[in-house]
Amino acid sequence: NILMRPCKVGSYQPNKLGLFDMHGNVWEWCDDEWKDDKGASQRVYRGGSWGSASEDCRAAFRYAFSPSSRVYHLGMRLARVPVGAQGR
């Protein structure tokens, strides 16, 4: 991202699944758990951020941090799922 900062969600076109800003905005926390060399629990994050190299901006590329970590380039994605006849 040339702006060197995160962008408002929806600033760019969605991907083929209709998801906006999947890669390259902020790294996204995932539900995956990873154990480090000492056996401590780590949480995986994926997707790359505005400060990442382009090859890191993909879902297959991952890192892990302690669940209590707070850094400027890490966030989360909220998903809204339709409920009712249409969503079933």
Protein backbone atom coordinates (compact mmCIF):
# COMPACT_ATOMS: atom_id res chain seq x y z
CA ASN A 1 0.00 0.00 0.00
CA ILE A 2 1.58 3.25 -1.11
CA LEU A 3 -0.11 5.22 1.70
CA MET A 4 1.99 3.47 4.41
CA ARG A 5 -1.02 3.16 6.70
CA PRO A 6 -4.16 1.02 6.93
CA CYS A 7 -7.12 2.03 4.77
CA LYS A 8 -10.83 2.20 5.48
CA VAL A 9 -12.46 -1.17 4.76
CA GLY A 10 -14.01 -1.16 1.30
CA SER A 11 -11.53 1.33 -0.18
CA TYR A 12 -10.72 -1.16 -2.94
CA GLN A 13 -12.72 -3.70 -4.95
CA PRO A 14 -13.65 -7.01 -3.23
CA ASN A 15 -12.03 -10.31 -4.20
CA LYS A 16 -13.92 -13.05 -6.09
CA LEU A 17 -15.58 -14.15 -2.84
CA GLY A 18 -16.89 -10.66 -2.15
CA LEU A 19 -14.45 -10.04 0.72
CA PHE A 20 -12.84 -6.62 1.01
CA ASP A 21 -9.25 -5.92 2.10
CA MET A 22 -8.35 -9.56 2.65
CA HIS A 23 -4.63 -9.00 2.11
CA GLY A 24 -2.35 -6.05 2.66
CA ASN A 25 -4.40 -3.82 4.97
CA VAL A 26 -3.63 -5.25 8.42
CA TRP A 27 -2.49 -8.71 9.50
CA GLU A 28 -5.55 -10.61 10.75
CA TRP A 29 -5.74 -12.72 13.88
CA CYS A 30 -6.90 -16.28 13.14
CA ASP A 31 -8.32 -18.99 15.37
CA ASP A 32 -5.30 -21.23 14.64
CA GLU A 33 -3.08 -22.05 17.60
CA TRP A 34 0.65 -22.59 17.34
CA LYS A 35 3.04 -23.80 20.07
CA ASP A 36 6.44 -22.15 20.21
CA ASP A 37 9.70 -23.98 21.03
CA LYS A 38 8.98 -23.68 24.77
CA GLY A 39 5.39 -24.98 24.41
CA ALA A 40 3.77 -21.58 24.95
CA SER A 41 0.51 -20.94 23.12
CA GLN A 42 0.73 -18.57 20.16
CA ARG A 43 -2.07 -17.28 17.90
CA VAL A 44 -1.60 -17.25 14.15
CA TYR A 45 -2.12 -14.15 12.05
CA ARG A 46 -2.27 -14.00 8.24
CA GLY A 47 -2.75 -11.75 5.24
CA GLY A 48 0.04 -9.19 5.38
CA SER A 49 -0.26 -5.53 6.29
CA TRP A 50 0.36 -2.17 4.65
CA GLY A 51 3.99 -2.39 5.83
CA SER A 52 4.61 -5.94 4.52
CA ALA A 53 6.55 -7.07 1.50
CA SER A 54 4.19 -8.00 -1.36
CA GLU A 55 5.08 -11.70 -1.11
CA ASP A 56 3.77 -11.72 2.49
CA CYS A 57 0.32 -10.41 1.48
CA ARG A 58 -1.42 -13.75 1.06
CA ALA A 59 -3.45 -16.07 3.29
CA ALA A 60 -0.87 -18.89 3.11
CA PHE A 61 1.81 -16.71 4.74
CA ARG A 62 1.53 -16.75 8.52
CA TYR A 63 3.22 -15.62 11.69
CA ALA A 64 2.30 -16.13 15.33
CA PHE A 65 2.28 -13.93 18.42
CA SER A 66 1.23 -14.35 22.01
CA PRO A 67 -2.56 -13.76 22.27
CA SER A 68 -1.86 -10.73 24.48
CA SER A 69 0.28 -8.99 21.81
CA ARG A 70 -0.70 -5.50 20.67
CA VAL A 71 0.99 -4.11 17.57
CA TYR A 72 0.06 -1.37 15.07
CA HIS A 73 -0.26 -3.64 12.03
CA LEU A 74 -2.46 -6.39 13.51
CA GLY A 75 -6.26 -6.49 13.61
CA MET A 76 -9.20 -8.80 13.15
CA ARG A 77 -12.00 -9.40 10.68
CA LEU A 78 -15.62 -9.42 11.71
CA ALA A 79 -18.02 -11.37 9.53
CA ARG A 80 -21.75 -10.88 9.39
CA VAL A 81 -23.67 -14.01 8.48
CA PRO A 82 -27.30 -13.76 7.29
CA VAL A 83 -29.87 -15.47 9.53
CA GLY A 84 -33.23 -16.80 8.49
CA ALA A 85 -34.66 -18.36 5.34
CA GLN A 86 -32.21 -16.61 3.03
CA GLY A 87 -29.15 -17.72 5.06
CA ARG A 88 -30.15 -21.40 5.35
